[in-house]
Amino acid sequence: MEETLKSEDKKPCANCGAELKYKPGSHQLKCGYCGYEEFIEQAKSSFEELELQHYLKVVGENAYTKTINLLHCKNCGANQHVEENYKSLSCVYCGEPLIKEDVEEEGWILPGALVPFQLDTKKARGIFKNWVTKIWFAPNKLKKAALDPEGIHGLYVPFWTFDAQLDASYQGQRGDYYYVTETYRTKNGTRTRQVRKTRWSHASGDVEGFIDDILINASEKKRRDIPSKIAHWNLKELVVFNTKYLSGFVTEKYTISLKDGHHQSFQEAKQTAHNWIRQDIGGDTQRIHNTDIKLSKETFKHILLPVYISSYEYKGKDYHFYINGQTGNISGTHPYSFWKIFFLVLLVIVIIAVIAIFAQ
């Protein structure tokens, strides 16, 4: 039976009636007006790994277990859900205003689990400001953005995770290095040197193992790629999905289907298989001629992972900054101030000129 995540489901404060929001780093909801806190009841059962092939064949890749209210950004295409009442909202990726009246209901595969935010907005803004202050060549507008309380947004990013038993047979070659002495001529006579060569031998065999939590970003837009520097979460802290964790944050719906996510995960599994094969072959270097890779007992989860994003436009170009909402790691790109670089170069030239004058 389909259910809809609507604002009527919001939890009012038992003390003053205001809307409760999730308190990062806890399992509680908190009222921003009177400070009242309420625990989020934890599920008695753990989150479920769904059997992949059964889901694709019987349920269908586009089958939905819930519907969700979404705001579609007409500028960058991001689909965003806000689990709270709001008057105005901007796209977390490009800053384009989102219109409440444009909200649409869409189906989604219900997340099985999420990693709750461990950092609140104040802590994330402090990390961002500290990072910005260390960038001397950045324009002043960037520093102003770091001070803007509306310039940073907490976002739950959708991911697929895949587990599987991997079995692979292979044929290839093992390479072992050896060295020979080579004589060569120079202007002063002859010399010798050691030259490395490779002795190749046939290799074949089988490898097997369990692949756990292949993580696939379920947002297809290039501008929404999460930098690899911060894209590491401790998935042992996953909790059973509960909409109360979404309150106060934006949630993005996946745009990569389960089927396409599975295809990407196979490429990751293939790379893992090749790493295992190289270890199995041994030697100093390896050649893999052909492999037969089989995956079985495949399962998947739809999960949400926490990220803070700050974005702004500078001279017609968008810049994004990302903070891992669990670990606090930060990554981003920024423009360079022409005048700061110009005056630094000018200062260096003046210093060199002064040194040259005194040297004379």
Protein backbone atom coordinates (compact mmCIF):
# COMPACT_ATOMS: atom_id res chain seq x y z
CA MET A 1 0.00 0.00 0.00
CA GLU A 2 1.37 3.38 -0.96
CA GLU A 3 1.85 6.05 1.67
CA THR A 4 2.60 9.71 1.24
CA LEU A 5 5.13 11.76 3.20
CA LYS A 6 3.24 14.97 3.85
CA SER A 7 3.66 17.93 6.15
CA GLU A 8 0.62 16.74 8.17
CA ASP A 9 2.85 13.93 9.47
CA LYS A 10 5.11 16.43 11.25
CA LYS A 11 5.51 16.07 14.98
CA PRO A 12 4.37 19.14 16.97
CA CYS A 13 6.14 20.15 20.17
CA ALA A 14 4.21 18.83 23.19
CA ASN A 15 5.22 21.94 25.12
CA CYS A 16 4.56 24.87 22.74
CA GLY A 17 3.12 23.32 19.58
CA ALA A 18 5.97 24.37 17.25
CA GLU A 19 7.43 21.92 14.74
CA LEU A 20 10.07 19.52 16.10
CA LYS A 21 13.23 18.97 14.04
CA TYR A 22 15.92 16.30 14.15
CA LYS A 23 18.83 17.07 16.49
CA PRO A 24 22.10 16.03 14.73
CA GLY A 25 24.28 13.61 16.64
CA SER A 26 21.39 12.12 18.58
CA HIS A 27 18.22 10.06 18.27
CA GLN A 28 16.05 12.97 19.33
CA LEU A 29 13.76 15.66 17.93
CA LYS A 30 14.17 19.15 19.35
CA CYS A 31 11.99 22.25 19.40
CA GLY A 32 13.89 25.32 18.20
CA TYR A 33 11.64 27.62 20.22
CA CYS A 34 11.38 26.21 23.74
CA GLY A 35 14.13 23.55 23.71
CA TYR A 36 11.79 20.61 24.34
CA GLU A 37 13.30 17.28 23.21
CA GLU A 38 11.65 14.00 22.29
CA PHE A 39 13.29 10.64 21.56
CA ILE A 40 12.87 8.96 18.16
CA GLU A 41 11.58 5.48 18.81
CA GLN A 42 14.02 2.98 17.35
CA ALA A 43 12.82 0.08 15.20
CA LYS A 44 12.99 -3.27 16.96
CA SER A 45 14.22 -5.02 13.81
CA SER A 46 17.29 -4.12 11.76
CA PHE A 47 17.12 -2.76 8.21
CA GLU A 48 16.61 -5.32 5.47
CA GLU A 49 18.85 -6.34 2.59
CA LEU A 50 16.48 -6.80 -0.39
CA GLU A 51 17.04 -9.69 -2.80
CA LEU A 52 18.03 -7.97 -6.03
CA GLN A 53 16.94 -10.31 -8.84
CA HIS A 54 13.56 -10.97 -7.24
CA TYR A 55 12.99 -7.24 -6.89
CA LEU A 56 13.93 -6.53 -10.52
CA LYS A 57 11.91 -9.40 -12.02
CA VAL A 58 8.87 -9.65 -9.75
CA VAL A 59 8.47 -6.22 -8.19
CA GLY A 60 10.05 -4.30 -11.05
CA GLU A 61 12.81 -1.73 -11.20
CA ASN A 62 10.32 1.13 -11.25
CA ALA A 63 8.01 -0.21 -8.55
CA TYR A 64 7.54 2.21 -5.68
CA THR A 65 6.87 1.52 -2.04
CA LYS A 66 5.94 5.12 -1.20
CA THR A 67 5.20 8.48 -2.74
CA ILE A 68 7.05 11.62 -1.75
CA ASN A 69 6.50 15.35 -2.20
CA LEU A 70 9.23 16.73 -4.45
CA LEU A 71 10.34 20.15 -5.63
CA HIS A 72 12.04 20.01 -9.03
CA CYS A 73 14.76 22.59 -9.72
CA LYS A 74 14.18 23.95 -13.22
CA ASN A 75 17.79 25.16 -13.42
CA CYS A 76 19.88 22.09 -12.53
CA GLY A 77 17.27 19.32 -12.42
CA ALA A 78 17.70 18.25 -8.78
CA ASN A 79 14.67 16.64 -7.13
CA GLN A 80 14.42 17.76 -3.51
CA HIS A 81 12.11 16.85 -0.65
CA VAL A 82 11.75 18.92 2.50
CA GLU A 83 10.35 17.18 5.57
CA GLU A 84 9.05 20.39 7.18
CA ASN A 85 6.77 23.37 6.62
CA TYR A 86 8.58 26.25 4.93
CA LYS A 87 7.87 29.62 3.35
CA SER A 88 10.77 29.80 0.88
CA LEU A 89 13.55 27.51 -0.22
CA SER A 90 16.45 27.59 -2.67
CA CYS A 91 18.01 24.67 -4.52
CA VAL A 92 20.89 23.31 -2.45
CA TYR A 93 23.00 22.84 -5.59
CA CYS A 94 22.56 26.00 -7.64
CA GLY A 95 20.69 28.42 -5.36
CA GLU A 96 17.72 28.76 -7.73
CA PRO A 97 14.49 29.66 -5.85
CA LEU A 98 12.08 26.74 -5.48
CA ILE A 99 8.35 27.47 -5.57
CA LYS A 100 6.21 25.71 -2.99
CA GLU A 101 3.23 25.63 -5.36
CA ASP A 102 5.29 23.54 -7.83
CA VAL A 103 5.47 20.58 -5.45
CA GLU A 104 4.69 17.22 -7.10
CA GLU A 105 4.16 13.72 -5.80
CA GLU A 106 6.50 11.06 -7.18
CA GLY A 107 7.09 7.43 -6.33
CA TRP A 108 10.34 6.17 -4.86
CA ILE A 109 11.77 2.95 -3.48
CA LEU A 110 11.58 3.60 0.24
CA PRO A 111 15.04 3.96 1.85
CA GLY A 112 15.88 1.03 4.05
CA ALA A 113 18.34 2.94 6.19
CA LEU A 114 20.22 6.19 6.65
CA VAL A 115 23.23 7.62 8.46
CA PRO A 116 21.86 10.47 10.61
CA PHE A 117 23.61 13.84 10.62
CA GLN A 118 26.23 14.02 13.37
CA LEU A 119 27.00 17.73 12.84
CA ASP A 120 24.49 20.53 13.24
CA THR A 121 24.45 23.55 10.93
CA LYS A 122 26.42 25.70 13.39
CA LYS A 123 29.27 23.17 13.55
CA ALA A 124 29.28 22.74 9.75
CA ARG A 125 29.40 26.52 9.24
CA GLY A 126 32.37 26.71 11.61
CA ILE A 127 34.24 24.04 9.59
CA PHE A 128 33.45 25.93 6.38
CA LYS A 129 34.61 29.29 7.78
CA ASN A 130 37.84 27.75 9.07
CA TRP A 131 38.51 26.25 5.63
CA VAL A 132 37.79 29.55 3.87
CA THR A 133 40.11 31.58 6.10
CA LYS A 134 43.03 29.42 4.96
CA ILE A 135 42.45 30.27 1.28
CA TRP A 136 44.32 33.54 0.87
CA PHE A 137 43.81 33.82 -2.92
CA ALA A 138 40.02 33.42 -2.76
CA PRO A 139 37.90 36.51 -3.51
CA ASN A 140 36.23 38.31 -0.61
CA LYS A 141 32.84 37.20 -1.90
CA LEU A 142 33.71 33.65 -0.91
CA LYS A 143 34.46 34.74 2.66
CA LYS A 144 31.11 36.55 2.71
CA ALA A 145 29.39 33.35 1.59
CA ALA A 146 30.97 31.53 4.51
CA LEU A 147 29.35 34.01 6.90
CA ASP A 148 25.91 33.72 5.27
CA PRO A 149 23.69 31.58 7.56
CA GLU A 150 21.46 30.74 4.57
CA GLY A 151 24.41 29.74 2.41
CA ILE A 152 24.83 26.21 3.74
CA HIS A 153 22.27 23.39 3.54
CA GLY A 154 22.08 19.93 5.07
CA LEU A 155 21.23 17.34 2.42
CA TYR A 156 20.53 13.61 2.54
CA VAL A 157 22.05 12.19 -0.66
CA PRO A 158 20.60 8.96 -2.13
CA PHE A 159 22.83 5.92 -2.67
CA TRP A 160 22.38 2.32 -3.72
CA THR A 161 24.44 -0.31 -1.94
CA PHE A 162 24.95 -3.80 -3.35
CA ASP A 163 26.20 -7.01 -1.74
CA ALA A 164 27.07 -10.22 -3.58
CA GLN A 165 28.99 -13.46 -3.53
CA LEU A 166 31.67 -13.20 -6.23
CA ASP A 167 33.20 -16.20 -8.01
CA ALA A 168 35.69 -15.75 -10.85
CA SER A 169 37.90 -18.02 -12.94
CA TYR A 170 40.78 -16.55 -14.91
CA GLN A 171 43.69 -17.13 -17.26
CA GLY A 172 46.69 -14.88 -17.42
CA GLN A 173 50.42 -14.60 -16.86
CA ARG A 174 52.69 -14.08 -13.89
CA GLY A 175 55.67 -11.79 -14.33
CA ASP A 176 58.82 -12.09 -12.19
CA TYR A 177 61.54 -9.49 -12.44
CA TYR A 178 65.17 -10.42 -12.93
CA TYR A 179 68.21 -8.32 -13.77
CA VAL A 180 71.01 -8.72 -16.30
CA THR A 181 74.27 -6.84 -16.60
CA GLU A 182 74.54 -4.75 -19.76
CA THR A 183 77.68 -3.12 -21.11
CA TYR A 184 77.45 0.24 -22.87
CA ARG A 185 79.92 2.76 -24.29
CA THR A 186 80.57 6.30 -23.06
CA LYS A 187 83.03 9.03 -24.08
CA ASN A 188 85.37 7.80 -21.38
CA GLY A 189 85.18 4.11 -22.27
CA THR A 190 82.76 1.34 -21.40
CA ARG A 191 80.51 0.94 -18.36
CA THR A 192 78.00 -1.60 -17.06
CA ARG A 193 74.50 -1.23 -15.71
CA GLN A 194 71.73 -3.45 -14.35
CA VAL A 195 68.73 -3.83 -16.67
CA ARG A 196 65.43 -5.13 -15.38
CA LYS A 197 63.63 -7.78 -17.42
CA THR A 198 60.47 -9.82 -16.86
CA ARG A 199 60.12 -13.59 -16.97
CA TRP A 200 56.54 -14.53 -17.87
CA SER A 201 54.81 -17.78 -16.97
CA HIS A 202 51.26 -19.09 -17.46
CA ALA A 203 48.77 -18.59 -14.62
CA SER A 204 45.16 -19.68 -14.12
CA GLY A 205 42.85 -20.30 -11.22
CA ASP A 206 39.73 -19.32 -9.32
CA VAL A 207 39.00 -16.66 -6.71
CA GLU A 208 35.93 -16.13 -4.59
CA GLY A 209 34.69 -13.92 -1.80
CA PHE A 210 31.86 -11.77 -0.50
CA ILE A 211 31.57 -8.15 -1.61
CA ASP A 212 29.93 -5.95 1.00
CA ASP A 213 28.31 -2.55 0.41
CA ILE A 214 29.38 -1.46 -3.07
CA LEU A 215 28.32 2.20 -2.82
CA ILE A 216 26.78 3.84 -5.92
CA ASN A 217 25.80 7.51 -5.93
CA ALA A 218 22.21 7.59 -7.17
CA SER A 219 22.38 11.18 -8.53
CA GLU A 220 23.28 11.23 -12.20
CA LYS A 221 24.03 14.94 -12.70
CA LYS A 222 27.76 15.66 -12.99
CA ARG A 223 27.41 18.87 -11.03
CA ARG A 224 26.13 16.77 -8.12
CA ASP A 225 29.11 14.43 -7.88
CA ILE A 226 30.23 14.17 -4.26
CA PRO A 227 34.03 14.73 -4.09
CA SER A 228 35.89 11.49 -3.33
CA LYS A 229 37.74 13.27 -0.50
CA ILE A 230 34.57 13.40 1.62
CA ALA A 231 32.65 10.44 0.16
CA HIS A 232 33.49 8.06 3.00
CA TRP A 233 30.87 7.25 5.62
CA ASN A 234 30.92 4.69 8.40
CA LEU A 235 28.05 2.47 7.24
CA LYS A 236 28.13 0.62 10.56
CA GLU A 237 26.22 3.63 11.90
CA LEU A 238 23.28 3.06 9.54
CA VAL A 239 19.92 3.12 11.34
CA VAL A 240 16.51 1.94 10.15
CA PHE A 241 14.88 4.63 8.02
CA ASN A 242 12.57 6.97 9.92
CA THR A 243 11.18 10.18 8.39
CA LYS A 244 11.82 12.01 11.67
CA TYR A 245 15.56 12.04 10.89
CA LEU A 246 14.75 14.07 7.76
CA SER A 247 13.10 16.95 9.63
CA GLY A 248 15.11 20.14 9.21
CA PHE A 249 17.05 18.82 6.21
CA VAL A 250 16.59 18.46 2.46
CA THR A 251 16.33 14.98 0.92
CA GLU A 252 17.22 14.33 -2.72
CA LYS A 253 15.47 11.62 -4.69
CA TYR A 254 17.59 9.22 -6.74
CA THR A 255 17.74 9.81 -10.49
CA ILE A 256 19.72 6.67 -11.30
CA SER A 257 17.38 3.67 -11.41
CA LEU A 258 18.00 0.49 -9.47
CA LYS A 259 18.81 -1.31 -12.73
CA ASP A 260 21.39 1.29 -13.80
CA GLY A 261 22.84 1.39 -10.30
CA HIS A 262 23.25 -2.39 -10.44
CA HIS A 263 25.06 -2.09 -13.78
CA GLN A 264 27.52 0.38 -12.24
CA SER A 265 28.02 -1.88 -9.24
CA PHE A 266 29.04 -4.75 -11.55
CA GLN A 267 31.87 -2.59 -12.89
CA GLU A 268 33.03 -2.05 -9.30
CA ALA A 269 32.74 -5.78 -8.63
CA LYS A 270 34.78 -6.48 -11.78
CA GLN A 271 37.56 -4.21 -10.51
CA THR A 272 37.48 -6.02 -7.16
CA ALA A 273 37.71 -9.38 -8.96
CA HIS A 274 40.75 -8.19 -10.92
CA ASN A 275 42.44 -7.06 -7.70
CA TRP A 276 41.84 -10.49 -6.14
CA ILE A 277 43.14 -12.21 -9.31
CA ARG A 278 46.36 -10.17 -9.31
CA GLN A 279 46.93 -11.13 -5.69
CA ASP A 280 46.24 -14.77 -6.53
CA ILE A 281 48.67 -14.75 -9.47
CA GLY A 282 51.40 -13.19 -7.37
CA GLY A 283 54.83 -12.28 -8.71
CA ASP A 284 56.01 -8.75 -9.45
CA THR A 285 53.51 -7.94 -12.20
CA GLN A 286 50.53 -9.65 -13.79
CA ARG A 287 48.61 -9.94 -17.05
CA ILE A 288 44.95 -10.93 -17.07
CA HIS A 289 43.88 -12.34 -20.44
CA ASN A 290 40.31 -13.38 -19.71
CA THR A 291 37.96 -13.80 -16.75
CA ASP A 292 34.58 -15.37 -16.09
CA ILE A 293 32.92 -13.41 -13.27
CA LYS A 294 29.71 -14.59 -11.64
CA LEU A 295 27.71 -12.85 -8.92
CA SER A 296 25.18 -14.69 -6.77
CA LYS A 297 23.07 -14.01 -3.68
CA GLU A 298 22.84 -10.36 -4.72
CA THR A 299 21.07 -7.95 -2.38
CA PHE A 300 20.66 -4.18 -2.31
CA LYS A 301 19.60 -1.27 -0.13
CA HIS A 302 18.46 2.26 -0.86
CA ILE A 303 20.15 4.46 1.77
CA LEU A 304 20.53 8.16 2.52
CA LEU A 305 23.86 9.71 3.55
CA PRO A 306 24.41 13.17 5.12
CA VAL A 307 26.21 16.05 3.38
CA TYR A 308 26.33 19.81 3.94
CA ILE A 309 26.53 21.90 0.76
CA SER A 310 27.34 25.54 0.15
CA SER A 311 27.16 26.90 -3.38
CA TYR A 312 27.25 30.28 -5.07
CA GLU A 313 27.83 31.78 -8.49
CA TYR A 314 30.89 33.93 -9.22
CA LYS A 315 31.28 35.60 -12.63
CA GLY A 316 28.87 33.19 -14.28
CA LYS A 317 30.38 30.01 -12.84
CA ASP A 318 29.00 27.81 -10.06
CA TYR A 319 31.21 26.73 -7.16
CA HIS A 320 30.32 24.06 -4.62
CA PHE A 321 31.65 23.15 -1.18
CA TYR A 322 30.86 19.87 0.54
CA ILE A 323 31.12 18.79 4.16
CA ASN A 324 30.57 15.18 5.21
CA GLY A 325 27.67 15.41 7.69
CA GLN A 326 29.04 12.46 9.65
CA THR A 327 32.82 12.99 9.74
CA GLY A 328 33.21 16.75 9.12
CA ASN A 329 35.62 16.27 6.19
CA ILE A 330 35.43 19.17 3.73
CA SER A 331 36.19 19.57 0.03
CA GLY A 332 35.46 22.22 -2.57
CA THR A 333 36.62 24.40 -5.41
CA HIS A 334 36.94 28.16 -5.46
CA PRO A 335 37.77 31.03 -7.82
CA TYR A 336 40.99 32.99 -7.52
CA SER A 337 41.15 36.72 -6.95
CA PHE A 338 43.06 38.32 -9.82
CA TRP A 339 43.94 41.38 -7.74
CA LYS A 340 45.26 39.40 -4.79
CA ILE A 341 47.55 37.44 -7.08
CA PHE A 342 48.53 40.63 -8.95
CA PHE A 343 49.51 42.48 -5.80
CA LEU A 344 51.40 39.47 -4.44
CA VAL A 345 53.44 39.21 -7.66
CA LEU A 346 54.01 42.97 -7.55
CA LEU A 347 55.17 42.72 -3.92
CA VAL A 348 57.62 39.92 -4.80
CA ILE A 349 59.03 42.01 -7.68
CA VAL A 350 59.50 45.01 -5.37
CA ILE A 351 61.25 42.88 -2.75
CA ILE A 352 63.59 41.38 -5.35
CA ALA A 353 64.35 44.86 -6.70
CA VAL A 354 65.12 46.19 -3.20
CA ILE A 355 67.41 43.24 -2.49
CA ALA A 356 69.19 43.80 -5.82
CA ILE A 357 69.74 47.52 -5.04
CA PHE A 358 71.21 46.78 -1.61
CA ALA A 359 73.37 44.01 -3.09
CA GLN A 360 74.91 46.49 -5.51
